[in-house]
Amino acid sequence: MGIKTIPLSHLEADVRKTLNDCADSGSTVIVQLPDQRLLAIQPLDPDNGDDDLVNQLLDADPAFRALVEKSKKGPRKPFPLEPRARSQAAPNPSSSVATPLAE
């Protein structure tokens, strides 16, 4: 586990890959914004017991507790690395081509 600093453009280029890398490695990712502010992205392990943010959320938010319980009951699924196939995406009305109706 370590700390990796990346520019915002790196995160924007492939959000899913960056988040998966962060979660899989256990490393904290520091994102440097164009105005030089910094944000930290870090994986959380609710089973670890020493993660204060998760504990605070579990104590204060019934909806978060329900989400965690639901997640624990289901299989773990990684973020997909490939974008959704074009056929699964929402239709784009501006790209529609009118075709004559057959009679």
N, C-alpha and C. Protein backbone atom coordinates (compact mmCIF):
# COMPACT_ATOMS: atom_id res chain seq x y z
N MET A 1 0.85 -1.18 0.00
CA MET A 1 0.00 0.00 0.00
C MET A 1 0.89 1.23 0.00
N GLY A 2 0.50 2.21 -0.78
CA GLY A 2 1.27 3.43 -0.87
C GLY A 2 0.37 4.57 -1.28
N ILE A 3 0.99 5.63 -1.74
CA ILE A 3 0.26 6.80 -2.21
C ILE A 3 0.76 7.12 -3.61
N LYS A 4 -0.19 7.32 -4.50
CA LYS A 4 0.14 7.64 -5.90
C LYS A 4 -0.53 8.97 -6.21
N THR A 5 0.19 9.92 -6.81
CA THR A 5 -0.36 11.21 -7.20
C THR A 5 -0.53 11.24 -8.70
N ILE A 6 -1.73 11.62 -9.15
CA ILE A 6 -2.02 11.70 -10.59
C ILE A 6 -2.71 13.02 -10.90
N PRO A 7 -2.56 13.52 -12.12
CA PRO A 7 -3.31 14.71 -12.51
C PRO A 7 -4.77 14.35 -12.79
N LEU A 8 -5.65 15.32 -12.70
CA LEU A 8 -7.07 15.10 -12.98
C LEU A 8 -7.27 14.49 -14.36
N SER A 9 -6.48 14.90 -15.34
CA SER A 9 -6.64 14.38 -16.70
C SER A 9 -6.44 12.87 -16.74
N HIS A 10 -5.55 12.33 -15.92
CA HIS A 10 -5.32 10.88 -15.86
C HIS A 10 -6.57 10.17 -15.33
N LEU A 11 -7.18 10.74 -14.29
CA LEU A 11 -8.41 10.16 -13.75
C LEU A 11 -9.53 10.24 -14.78
N GLU A 12 -9.67 11.37 -15.44
CA GLU A 12 -10.72 11.55 -16.43
C GLU A 12 -10.55 10.62 -17.62
N ALA A 13 -9.32 10.29 -17.97
CA ALA A 13 -9.06 9.44 -19.13
C ALA A 13 -9.60 8.03 -18.94
N ASP A 14 -9.56 7.51 -17.71
CA ASP A 14 -10.06 6.16 -17.46
C ASP A 14 -10.44 6.01 -15.99
N VAL A 15 -11.60 6.53 -15.65
CA VAL A 15 -12.07 6.53 -14.26
C VAL A 15 -12.17 5.11 -13.72
N ARG A 16 -12.80 4.22 -14.47
CA ARG A 16 -13.01 2.85 -13.96
C ARG A 16 -11.69 2.15 -13.67
N LYS A 17 -10.73 2.27 -14.59
CA LYS A 17 -9.43 1.62 -14.38
C LYS A 17 -8.74 2.20 -13.16
N THR A 18 -8.76 3.52 -13.00
CA THR A 18 -8.12 4.14 -11.85
C THR A 18 -8.75 3.68 -10.55
N LEU A 19 -10.09 3.63 -10.51
CA LEU A 19 -10.78 3.19 -9.30
C LEU A 19 -10.50 1.71 -9.00
N ASN A 20 -10.50 0.88 -10.03
CA ASN A 20 -10.18 -0.54 -9.83
C ASN A 20 -8.75 -0.71 -9.33
N ASP A 21 -7.80 0.02 -9.94
CA ASP A 21 -6.41 -0.06 -9.49
C ASP A 21 -6.29 0.35 -8.02
N CYS A 22 -6.97 1.40 -7.64
CA CYS A 22 -6.95 1.88 -6.26
C CYS A 22 -7.51 0.82 -5.32
N ALA A 23 -8.66 0.27 -5.67
CA ALA A 23 -9.31 -0.73 -4.81
C ALA A 23 -8.49 -2.02 -4.74
N ASP A 24 -7.93 -2.46 -5.86
CA ASP A 24 -7.17 -3.71 -5.90
C ASP A 24 -5.83 -3.61 -5.17
N SER A 25 -5.17 -2.46 -5.28
CA SER A 25 -3.84 -2.31 -4.69
C SER A 25 -3.91 -1.89 -3.22
N GLY A 26 -5.04 -1.29 -2.83
CA GLY A 26 -5.15 -0.77 -1.47
C GLY A 26 -4.44 0.57 -1.30
N SER A 27 -3.93 1.11 -2.40
CA SER A 27 -3.19 2.38 -2.35
C SER A 27 -4.14 3.57 -2.39
N THR A 28 -3.71 4.66 -1.77
CA THR A 28 -4.43 5.92 -1.85
C THR A 28 -3.99 6.63 -3.13
N VAL A 29 -4.95 7.22 -3.83
CA VAL A 29 -4.65 8.00 -5.04
C VAL A 29 -4.95 9.46 -4.72
N ILE A 30 -3.96 10.31 -4.92
CA ILE A 30 -4.13 11.75 -4.75
C ILE A 30 -4.33 12.34 -6.14
N VAL A 31 -5.43 13.05 -6.34
CA VAL A 31 -5.74 13.66 -7.64
C VAL A 31 -5.44 15.15 -7.53
N GLN A 32 -4.55 15.62 -8.41
CA GLN A 32 -4.20 17.03 -8.41
C GLN A 32 -5.09 17.76 -9.40
N LEU A 33 -5.90 18.69 -8.88
CA LEU A 33 -6.80 19.48 -9.72
C LEU A 33 -6.02 20.58 -10.42
N PRO A 34 -6.55 21.12 -11.52
CA PRO A 34 -5.83 22.16 -12.27
C PRO A 34 -5.47 23.39 -11.43
N ASP A 35 -6.27 23.69 -10.41
CA ASP A 35 -5.97 24.86 -9.57
C ASP A 35 -5.06 24.50 -8.38
N GLN A 36 -4.42 23.33 -8.45
CA GLN A 36 -3.46 22.84 -7.47
C GLN A 36 -4.07 22.30 -6.18
N ARG A 37 -5.41 22.27 -6.06
CA ARG A 37 -6.01 21.60 -4.91
C ARG A 37 -5.83 20.11 -5.08
N LEU A 38 -5.91 19.38 -3.98
CA LEU A 38 -5.71 17.93 -4.01
C LEU A 38 -6.92 17.22 -3.42
N LEU A 39 -7.23 16.06 -4.00
CA LEU A 39 -8.29 15.19 -3.48
C LEU A 39 -7.69 13.81 -3.26
N ALA A 40 -8.16 13.12 -2.23
CA ALA A 40 -7.68 11.78 -1.97
C ALA A 40 -8.78 10.77 -2.26
N ILE A 41 -8.43 9.71 -2.95
CA ILE A 41 -9.32 8.58 -3.18
C ILE A 41 -8.64 7.38 -2.53
N GLN A 42 -9.35 6.74 -1.62
CA GLN A 42 -8.74 5.59 -0.97
C GLN A 42 -9.76 4.48 -0.81
N PRO A 43 -9.29 3.24 -0.93
CA PRO A 43 -10.22 2.12 -0.74
C PRO A 43 -10.61 2.01 0.73
N LEU A 44 -11.82 1.60 0.97
CA LEU A 44 -12.31 1.40 2.34
C LEU A 44 -12.61 -0.07 2.53
N ASP A 45 -12.26 -0.58 3.67
CA ASP A 45 -12.52 -1.98 4.01
C ASP A 45 -13.43 -2.01 5.22
N PRO A 46 -14.75 -2.12 5.01
CA PRO A 46 -15.68 -2.09 6.14
C PRO A 46 -15.48 -3.26 7.10
N ASP A 47 -14.83 -4.34 6.66
CA ASP A 47 -14.61 -5.48 7.54
C ASP A 47 -13.38 -5.29 8.43
N ASN A 48 -12.57 -4.28 8.13
CA ASN A 48 -11.34 -4.04 8.88
C ASN A 48 -11.62 -3.58 10.30
N GLY A 49 -12.68 -2.82 10.52
CA GLY A 49 -13.06 -2.39 11.85
C GLY A 49 -12.41 -1.10 12.31
N ASP A 50 -11.34 -0.66 11.66
CA ASP A 50 -10.69 0.56 12.12
C ASP A 50 -10.90 1.73 11.18
N ASP A 51 -11.82 1.61 10.27
CA ASP A 51 -12.08 2.68 9.32
C ASP A 51 -13.16 3.59 9.89
N ASP A 52 -12.76 4.74 10.38
CA ASP A 52 -13.67 5.64 11.07
C ASP A 52 -14.79 6.16 10.17
N LEU A 53 -14.49 6.46 8.89
CA LEU A 53 -15.52 6.98 8.00
C LEU A 53 -16.64 5.97 7.82
N VAL A 54 -16.28 4.73 7.59
CA VAL A 54 -17.31 3.69 7.43
C VAL A 54 -18.10 3.53 8.71
N ASN A 55 -17.43 3.54 9.84
CA ASN A 55 -18.13 3.42 11.12
C ASN A 55 -19.10 4.58 11.33
N GLN A 56 -18.66 5.78 11.01
CA GLN A 56 -19.54 6.95 11.15
C GLN A 56 -20.76 6.82 10.24
N LEU A 57 -20.53 6.40 9.00
CA LEU A 57 -21.64 6.23 8.07
C LEU A 57 -22.60 5.14 8.55
N LEU A 58 -22.05 4.04 9.05
CA LEU A 58 -22.91 2.95 9.55
C LEU A 58 -23.73 3.42 10.74
N ASP A 59 -23.13 4.21 11.62
CA ASP A 59 -23.85 4.70 12.80
C ASP A 59 -24.92 5.73 12.45
N ALA A 60 -24.64 6.58 11.47
CA ALA A 60 -25.50 7.73 11.22
C ALA A 60 -26.51 7.56 10.09
N ASP A 61 -26.31 6.59 9.22
CA ASP A 61 -27.13 6.55 8.01
C ASP A 61 -27.76 5.16 7.81
N PRO A 62 -29.05 5.02 8.12
CA PRO A 62 -29.73 3.73 7.94
C PRO A 62 -29.70 3.24 6.49
N ALA A 63 -29.78 4.15 5.54
CA ALA A 63 -29.75 3.75 4.12
C ALA A 63 -28.38 3.16 3.77
N PHE A 64 -27.31 3.72 4.31
CA PHE A 64 -25.97 3.19 4.06
C PHE A 64 -25.83 1.81 4.71
N ARG A 65 -26.37 1.65 5.92
CA ARG A 65 -26.34 0.33 6.59
C ARG A 65 -27.04 -0.72 5.73
N ALA A 66 -28.20 -0.36 5.19
CA ALA A 66 -28.94 -1.29 4.34
C ALA A 66 -28.15 -1.62 3.07
N LEU A 67 -27.50 -0.63 2.50
CA LEU A 67 -26.69 -0.85 1.30
C LEU A 67 -25.53 -1.80 1.59
N VAL A 68 -24.88 -1.62 2.74
CA VAL A 68 -23.77 -2.50 3.10
C VAL A 68 -24.27 -3.93 3.32
N GLU A 69 -25.38 -4.08 3.99
CA GLU A 69 -25.94 -5.43 4.22
C GLU A 69 -26.30 -6.10 2.90
N LYS A 70 -26.90 -5.34 2.00
CA LYS A 70 -27.26 -5.89 0.69
C LYS A 70 -25.99 -6.29 -0.07
N SER A 71 -24.97 -5.47 0.01
CA SER A 71 -23.71 -5.76 -0.67
C SER A 71 -23.05 -7.02 -0.11
N LYS A 72 -23.10 -7.19 1.19
CA LYS A 72 -22.48 -8.37 1.82
C LYS A 72 -23.14 -9.66 1.38
N LYS A 73 -24.43 -9.61 1.06
CA LYS A 73 -25.18 -10.81 0.68
C LYS A 73 -24.92 -11.23 -0.76
N GLY A 74 -24.49 -10.30 -1.61
CA GLY A 74 -24.31 -10.60 -3.02
C GLY A 74 -22.86 -10.83 -3.37
N PRO A 75 -22.62 -11.37 -4.57
CA PRO A 75 -21.24 -11.59 -5.01
C PRO A 75 -20.55 -10.27 -5.33
N ARG A 76 -19.26 -10.22 -5.18
CA ARG A 76 -18.47 -9.03 -5.51
C ARG A 76 -18.33 -8.94 -7.02
N LYS A 77 -18.55 -7.77 -7.56
CA LYS A 77 -18.41 -7.56 -9.00
C LYS A 77 -17.44 -6.40 -9.22
N PRO A 78 -16.41 -6.57 -10.05
CA PRO A 78 -15.50 -5.46 -10.33
C PRO A 78 -16.16 -4.46 -11.27
N PHE A 79 -15.64 -3.24 -11.28
CA PHE A 79 -16.10 -2.26 -12.25
C PHE A 79 -15.73 -2.79 -13.63
N PRO A 80 -16.62 -2.70 -14.62
CA PRO A 80 -16.25 -3.14 -15.96
C PRO A 80 -15.16 -2.22 -16.52
N LEU A 81 -14.15 -2.80 -17.15
CA LEU A 81 -13.07 -2.00 -17.71
C LEU A 81 -13.41 -1.48 -19.10
N GLU A 82 -14.30 -2.16 -19.79
CA GLU A 82 -14.68 -1.75 -21.14
C GLU A 82 -15.97 -0.92 -21.07
N PRO A 83 -16.07 0.14 -21.87
CA PRO A 83 -17.33 0.89 -21.91
C PRO A 83 -18.46 0.00 -22.43
N ARG A 84 -19.66 0.36 -22.06
CA ARG A 84 -20.81 -0.41 -22.55
C ARG A 84 -20.83 -0.45 -24.06
N ALA A 85 -21.27 -1.55 -24.58
CA ALA A 85 -21.38 -1.68 -26.04
C ALA A 85 -22.36 -0.65 -26.57
N ARG A 86 -22.13 -0.19 -27.75
CA ARG A 86 -22.96 0.86 -28.36
C ARG A 86 -24.43 0.44 -28.41
N SER A 87 -24.69 -0.85 -28.63
CA SER A 87 -26.07 -1.32 -28.74
C SER A 87 -26.79 -1.25 -27.41
N GLN A 88 -26.05 -1.23 -26.29
CA GLN A 88 -26.69 -1.16 -24.98
C GLN A 88 -26.89 0.27 -24.52
N ALA A 89 -26.21 1.21 -25.15
CA ALA A 89 -26.32 2.60 -24.76
C ALA A 89 -27.69 3.14 -25.15
N ALA A 90 -28.08 4.22 -24.50
CA ALA A 90 -29.35 4.85 -24.82
C ALA A 90 -29.32 5.36 -26.25
N PRO A 91 -30.44 5.26 -26.96
CA PRO A 91 -30.46 5.73 -28.34
C PRO A 91 -30.22 7.23 -28.42
N ASN A 92 -29.53 7.62 -29.47
CA ASN A 92 -29.24 9.03 -29.70
C ASN A 92 -30.17 9.52 -30.80
N PRO A 93 -31.18 10.34 -30.46
CA PRO A 93 -32.15 10.76 -31.47
C PRO A 93 -31.53 11.54 -32.62
N SER A 94 -30.44 12.24 -32.40
CA SER A 94 -29.84 13.02 -33.46
C SER A 94 -29.15 12.15 -34.49
N SER A 95 -28.86 10.88 -34.15
CA SER A 95 -28.17 10.02 -35.11
C SER A 95 -29.15 9.07 -35.81
N SER A 96 -30.43 9.23 -35.56
CA SER A 96 -31.42 8.36 -36.19
C SER A 96 -31.54 8.67 -37.67
N VAL A 97 -31.73 7.62 -38.45
CA VAL A 97 -31.92 7.79 -39.89
C VAL A 97 -33.31 7.28 -40.20
N ALA A 98 -34.11 8.10 -40.84
CA ALA A 98 -35.47 7.69 -41.19
C ALA A 98 -35.42 6.70 -42.35
N THR A 99 -36.21 5.64 -42.24
CA THR A 99 -36.30 4.65 -43.32
C THR A 99 -37.73 4.55 -43.75
N PRO A 100 -37.96 4.33 -45.04
CA PRO A 100 -39.35 4.24 -45.51
C PRO A 100 -40.01 2.96 -44.95
N LEU A 101 -41.30 3.05 -44.71
CA LEU A 101 -42.04 1.90 -44.22
C LEU A 101 -42.37 0.97 -45.37
N ALA A 102 -42.21 -0.32 -45.14
CA ALA A 102 -42.57 -1.31 -46.15
C ALA A 102 -44.06 -1.56 -46.09
N GLU A 103 -44.66 -1.74 -47.22
CA GLU A 103 -46.11 -1.99 -47.24
C GLU A 103 -46.39 -3.39 -47.66
